[in-house]
Amino acid sequence: MLLRWIALFCIFALWALSAQAEDAKAEAGSDAVCWVGKTLGAGCQDIRDREILDAAQAPWRAIGRVNFASQQVKTHCTGALVSDRIVLTASHCLYNFARKRWIPASSIRFVAGFQRGSYVAVSSVDRYVLGPVHVQRDQPFRVVPSQDWALLVLKDPLGATVGTLPTRIISSQEAHESVFQMVGYSGLRKNVLSRSESCGPPTSGQDAGAFYQTCTVMPGDSGAPILMRTGAELALVGVLSAVQKKGSNVVSISIPFANFAAALEHELSLEETGD
């Protein structure tokens, strides 16, 4: 199970290395869980069929593109504001697998409410926080499913004006009674924010600390928020990591908020004290 997760995780990660590869595949009209392979899903049409949201309006403007700009990496992931200065995304987005090193914070920008070239707000990144397995920044990236999350600490308090997404640790009852969706910037439609409403309830698998769902996702969506709607309330309950072949089905893998709640709480305390 873990080996299959690693293989498909690497597809997401390696895609994030090359904007040229992205453009070539888009032109070719590749099939599957878009760009992952014909045996793994219904195809890119499912991505095209996702609902396009108005990224300039709340609450969607709290979601944005995590952009990377350097001579080696020119691509994007998705992220979401969870406080005035903190953006949640996936840790594998921040690693340059070709050069085997972490992307410096100075090369990262968060663009809130991005839509077809316009945006609501933008900020550079001061630093970022990773899970305990990545504490040694001089070591190669370690594929640990439960720790594929990262907190970007912005230089500017965008959340104060743009808004933030509330976070929540879900109960087993909520998992079966609520509606779940994923909102992100797919590689196929990288200039618009779109929503997958076919996620279904999260279930835990043999990989401890991960949720399995059926969100329609692809590279570019990595780091996107998994949202739970209960009545009129919307809450962030996880972050998208990768996809995996499970029997005859394809499932999306997300990291539950419970896995990084303590790290976020610590960063919020620093934010309050101005440290």
Protein backbone atom coordinates (compact mmCIF):
# COMPACT_ATOMS: atom_id res chain seq x y z
CA MET A 1 0.00 0.00 0.00
CA LEU A 2 2.70 2.48 0.99
CA LEU A 3 4.80 1.66 -2.08
CA ARG A 4 1.86 2.38 -4.38
CA TRP A 5 1.27 5.66 -2.55
CA ILE A 6 4.92 6.62 -2.98
CA ALA A 7 4.84 5.87 -6.71
CA LEU A 8 1.78 8.02 -7.34
CA PHE A 9 2.94 10.71 -4.94
CA CYS A 10 6.12 11.01 -6.99
CA ILE A 11 4.06 11.59 -10.13
CA PHE A 12 2.50 14.64 -8.45
CA ALA A 13 5.87 15.82 -7.17
CA LEU A 14 7.81 15.34 -10.39
CA TRP A 15 5.10 17.11 -12.36
CA ALA A 16 5.67 20.14 -10.17
CA LEU A 17 9.22 20.43 -11.49
CA SER A 18 8.53 21.43 -15.07
CA ALA A 19 6.21 24.01 -16.57
CA GLN A 20 7.35 22.85 -20.01
CA ALA A 21 6.11 19.34 -19.32
CA GLU A 22 2.81 20.79 -18.11
CA ASP A 23 2.26 22.75 -21.33
CA ALA A 24 3.20 19.83 -23.55
CA LYS A 25 0.78 17.49 -21.83
CA ALA A 26 -2.00 20.04 -21.92
CA GLU A 27 -1.57 20.40 -25.67
CA ALA A 28 -1.54 16.63 -26.13
CA GLY A 29 -4.85 16.27 -24.28
CA SER A 30 -3.57 13.49 -22.02
CA ASP A 31 -6.04 11.10 -20.44
CA ALA A 32 -6.84 9.73 -17.00
CA VAL A 33 -6.83 11.32 -13.51
CA CYS A 34 -5.56 13.84 -15.83
CA TRP A 35 -1.93 13.16 -16.74
CA VAL A 36 -1.45 10.19 -14.45
CA GLY A 37 -2.19 7.36 -16.88
CA LYS A 38 -5.12 5.73 -18.59
CA THR A 39 -5.55 3.01 -15.99
CA LEU A 40 -6.14 5.48 -13.19
CA GLY A 41 -9.37 7.30 -13.92
CA ALA A 42 -12.07 8.75 -16.08
CA GLY A 43 -9.84 11.32 -17.73
CA CYS A 44 -9.29 15.01 -18.14
CA GLN A 45 -12.90 15.64 -19.04
CA ASP A 46 -13.77 15.21 -15.37
CA ILE A 47 -11.39 18.08 -14.60
CA ARG A 48 -12.95 20.25 -17.29
CA ASP A 49 -16.39 19.50 -15.88
CA ARG A 50 -15.52 20.89 -12.43
CA GLU A 51 -17.50 23.98 -11.46
CA ILE A 52 -15.59 27.24 -11.90
CA LEU A 53 -15.91 29.49 -8.87
CA ASP A 54 -15.71 33.27 -8.55
CA ALA A 55 -12.31 33.52 -6.88
CA ALA A 56 -12.85 37.21 -6.04
CA GLN A 57 -15.76 36.42 -3.73
CA ALA A 58 -15.77 35.10 -0.16
CA PRO A 59 -15.03 32.47 0.94
CA TRP A 60 -13.21 31.41 -2.24
CA ARG A 61 -10.82 34.40 -2.24
CA ALA A 62 -9.11 32.88 0.82
CA ILE A 63 -7.86 30.18 -1.58
CA GLY A 64 -5.07 30.95 -4.00
CA ARG A 65 -2.17 29.76 -6.06
CA VAL A 66 1.17 28.95 -4.45
CA ASN A 67 3.56 30.08 -7.16
CA PHE A 68 7.23 29.22 -7.51
CA ALA A 69 9.60 31.29 -9.59
CA SER A 70 13.19 30.32 -10.19
CA GLN A 71 15.34 29.13 -13.05
CA GLN A 72 14.59 25.52 -12.12
CA VAL A 73 10.94 25.62 -10.93
CA LYS A 74 8.19 27.61 -12.60
CA THR A 75 4.87 26.11 -11.68
CA HIS A 76 2.18 26.15 -8.98
CA CYS A 77 0.26 24.36 -6.27
CA THR A 78 -2.86 25.43 -4.35
CA GLY A 79 -3.04 26.89 -0.85
CA ALA A 80 -5.58 28.35 1.58
CA LEU A 81 -5.41 31.09 4.20
CA VAL A 82 -6.11 29.73 7.68
CA SER A 83 -5.07 32.91 9.54
CA ASP A 84 -3.98 36.44 8.68
CA ARG A 85 -0.48 35.31 7.68
CA ILE A 86 -0.61 31.51 7.43
CA VAL A 87 -1.34 29.51 4.28
CA LEU A 88 -1.85 25.75 4.28
CA THR A 89 -0.46 23.69 1.39
CA ALA A 90 1.31 20.36 0.74
CA SER A 91 4.95 19.91 1.75
CA HIS A 92 5.93 18.09 -1.45
CA CYS A 93 5.13 21.30 -3.34
CA LEU A 94 8.06 22.98 -1.63
CA TYR A 95 10.72 20.44 -2.56
CA ASN A 96 12.80 20.59 -5.75
CA PHE A 97 13.10 16.88 -6.52
CA ALA A 98 15.48 17.45 -9.43
CA ARG A 99 18.02 19.29 -7.30
CA LYS A 100 17.13 17.42 -4.10
CA ARG A 101 16.66 20.48 -1.98
CA TRP A 102 13.90 22.60 -0.48
CA ILE A 103 12.73 25.64 -2.41
CA PRO A 104 13.72 28.82 -0.53
CA ALA A 105 10.87 30.85 0.93
CA SER A 106 12.05 33.85 -1.06
CA SER A 107 11.06 32.04 -4.29
CA ILE A 108 7.45 31.46 -3.19
CA ARG A 109 4.45 33.74 -3.64
CA PHE A 110 0.86 33.25 -2.49
CA VAL A 111 -1.72 34.79 -4.83
CA ALA A 112 -5.13 34.95 -3.18
CA GLY A 113 -8.26 34.94 -5.32
CA PHE A 114 -6.34 34.38 -8.56
CA GLN A 115 -8.54 34.19 -11.65
CA ARG A 116 -7.49 34.54 -15.28
CA GLY A 117 -4.58 36.86 -14.56
CA SER A 118 -6.24 39.02 -11.91
CA TYR A 119 -6.07 38.50 -8.16
CA VAL A 120 -7.37 39.85 -4.87
CA ALA A 121 -4.06 40.04 -3.00
CA VAL A 122 -0.51 38.72 -3.15
CA SER A 123 2.30 38.23 -0.65
CA SER A 124 5.78 36.82 -0.58
CA VAL A 125 6.63 34.13 1.97
CA ASP A 126 8.80 34.89 4.98
CA ARG A 127 9.34 31.26 6.02
CA TYR A 128 7.52 27.93 6.15
CA VAL A 129 6.86 25.20 8.68
CA LEU A 130 7.05 21.48 7.90
CA GLY A 131 6.18 18.29 9.76
CA PRO A 132 8.67 16.69 12.20
CA VAL A 133 9.92 14.22 9.60
CA HIS A 134 11.34 17.15 7.61
CA VAL A 135 13.09 18.85 10.51
CA GLN A 136 16.47 18.26 8.84
CA ARG A 137 16.24 20.62 5.88
CA ASP A 138 19.57 19.39 4.49
CA GLN A 139 18.24 15.84 4.04
CA PRO A 140 16.29 14.45 1.04
CA PHE A 141 12.51 14.63 1.06
CA ARG A 142 10.98 11.76 3.05
CA VAL A 143 7.70 10.36 1.75
CA VAL A 144 5.59 10.05 4.90
CA PRO A 145 1.90 10.27 3.90
CA SER A 146 0.68 11.69 7.20
CA GLN A 147 3.14 14.60 7.04
CA ASP A 148 2.57 15.94 3.54
CA TRP A 149 1.52 19.35 4.83
CA ALA A 150 3.19 22.74 5.16
CA LEU A 151 2.36 26.13 6.68
CA LEU A 152 3.56 29.16 4.72
CA VAL A 153 4.10 32.23 6.89
CA LEU A 154 3.42 35.28 4.73
CA LYS A 155 5.16 38.63 5.00
CA ASP A 156 1.83 40.44 4.64
CA PRO A 157 -1.37 39.77 6.66
CA LEU A 158 -3.59 39.00 3.67
CA GLY A 159 -6.15 37.16 5.75
CA ALA A 160 -7.08 40.36 7.59
CA THR A 161 -8.65 41.75 4.42
CA VAL A 162 -9.17 38.71 2.19
CA GLY A 163 -10.64 36.46 4.87
CA THR A 164 -9.66 33.01 6.10
CA LEU A 165 -11.10 29.51 6.14
CA PRO A 166 -12.09 28.07 9.52
CA THR A 167 -10.42 24.79 10.41
CA ARG A 168 -11.94 21.75 12.08
CA ILE A 169 -11.14 18.24 13.26
CA ILE A 170 -14.05 16.14 12.08
CA SER A 171 -15.83 13.44 14.08
CA SER A 172 -16.81 10.06 12.64
CA GLN A 173 -20.43 11.18 12.67
CA GLU A 174 -19.66 14.33 10.70
CA ALA A 175 -17.69 12.25 8.21
CA HIS A 176 -20.88 10.43 7.26
CA GLU A 177 -23.39 13.27 7.57
CA SER A 178 -21.60 16.13 5.83
CA VAL A 179 -20.78 17.05 2.23
CA PHE A 180 -17.12 17.22 1.21
CA GLN A 181 -15.49 19.12 -1.65
CA MET A 182 -12.05 20.06 -2.92
CA VAL A 183 -11.30 23.50 -4.37
CA GLY A 184 -8.10 24.06 -6.33
CA TYR A 185 -6.18 25.24 -9.39
CA SER A 186 -5.77 22.15 -11.56
CA GLY A 187 -2.87 21.92 -14.00
CA LEU A 188 -5.32 21.61 -16.88
CA ARG A 189 -7.19 24.80 -15.92
CA LYS A 190 -4.47 26.57 -14.00
CA ASN A 191 -5.93 30.07 -14.41
CA VAL A 192 -9.30 29.42 -12.77
CA LEU A 193 -10.41 28.17 -9.38
CA SER A 194 -12.64 25.13 -9.67
CA ARG A 195 -14.43 22.74 -7.36
CA SER A 196 -14.75 18.98 -7.20
CA GLU A 197 -17.99 18.12 -5.44
CA SER A 198 -17.64 14.36 -5.86
CA CYS A 199 -15.31 13.76 -2.91
CA GLY A 200 -17.58 11.62 -0.74
CA PRO A 201 -16.96 10.96 2.95
CA PRO A 202 -13.34 10.52 4.08
CA THR A 203 -12.26 7.05 5.15
CA SER A 204 -9.00 6.00 6.78
CA GLY A 205 -6.77 3.40 5.18
CA GLN A 206 -3.72 1.37 6.12
CA ASP A 207 -1.61 4.51 5.71
CA ALA A 208 -2.15 6.01 9.14
CA GLY A 209 -2.98 9.67 9.23
CA ALA A 210 -4.49 9.95 5.74
CA PHE A 211 -8.03 10.25 4.36
CA TYR A 212 -9.20 8.43 1.25
CA GLN A 213 -11.86 10.11 -0.88
CA THR A 214 -12.99 10.28 -4.51
CA CYS A 215 -12.26 13.93 -5.35
CA THR A 216 -11.59 14.60 -9.04
CA VAL A 217 -8.04 15.95 -8.82
CA MET A 218 -4.75 16.28 -10.69
CA PRO A 219 -1.34 17.98 -10.34
CA GLY A 220 -1.76 21.67 -9.55
CA ASP A 221 -4.48 20.81 -7.04
CA SER A 222 -1.83 19.62 -4.59
CA GLY A 223 -2.18 21.55 -1.34
CA ALA A 224 -5.82 22.38 -2.00
CA PRO A 225 -8.21 22.51 0.95
CA ILE A 226 -10.62 19.67 1.61
CA LEU A 227 -13.78 21.42 2.75
CA MET A 228 -16.68 20.09 4.79
CA ARG A 229 -20.10 21.67 4.47
CA THR A 230 -22.57 21.14 7.28
CA GLY A 231 -25.70 23.15 6.63
CA ALA A 232 -24.52 26.69 5.88
CA GLU A 233 -21.14 26.19 7.55
CA LEU A 234 -17.95 25.54 5.59
CA ALA A 235 -14.75 24.35 7.28
CA LEU A 236 -11.31 23.19 6.16
CA VAL A 237 -10.75 19.62 7.38
CA GLY A 238 -7.73 18.52 5.36
CA VAL A 239 -5.19 19.26 2.64
CA LEU A 240 -4.90 17.40 -0.68
CA SER A 241 -1.76 15.31 -1.08
CA ALA A 242 -1.99 12.85 -4.01
CA VAL A 243 -3.99 10.13 -5.77
CA GLN A 244 -3.75 6.36 -5.49
CA LYS A 245 -4.96 3.29 -7.34
CA LYS A 246 -7.02 1.20 -4.95
CA GLY A 247 -8.35 -1.94 -6.56
CA SER A 248 -10.29 -0.90 -9.65
CA ASN A 249 -10.85 2.60 -8.30
CA VAL A 250 -8.85 5.78 -7.99
CA VAL A 251 -8.92 7.65 -4.70
CA SER A 252 -7.64 11.04 -3.66
CA ILE A 253 -5.48 11.21 -0.55
CA SER A 254 -5.67 14.10 1.89
CA ILE A 255 -4.01 14.85 5.20
CA PRO A 256 -6.49 15.45 8.08
CA PHE A 257 -6.34 18.74 9.94
CA ALA A 258 -5.70 16.79 13.15
CA ASN A 259 -2.21 15.96 11.84
CA PHE A 260 -1.06 19.58 11.82
CA ALA A 261 -3.46 21.26 14.27
CA ALA A 262 -0.77 21.56 16.96
CA ALA A 263 1.71 23.14 14.53
CA LEU A 264 -0.90 25.65 13.42
CA GLU A 265 -1.79 26.48 17.03
CA HIS A 266 1.88 27.14 17.77
CA GLU A 267 2.24 29.44 14.76
CA LEU A 268 -0.95 31.28 15.71
CA SER A 269 0.49 31.95 19.16
CA LEU A 270 3.59 33.45 17.53
CA GLU A 271 1.39 35.51 15.24
CA GLU A 272 -0.49 36.93 18.21
CA THR A 273 2.70 37.91 20.03
CA GLY A 274 4.31 39.30 16.89
CA ASP A 275 7.30 36.93 17.04
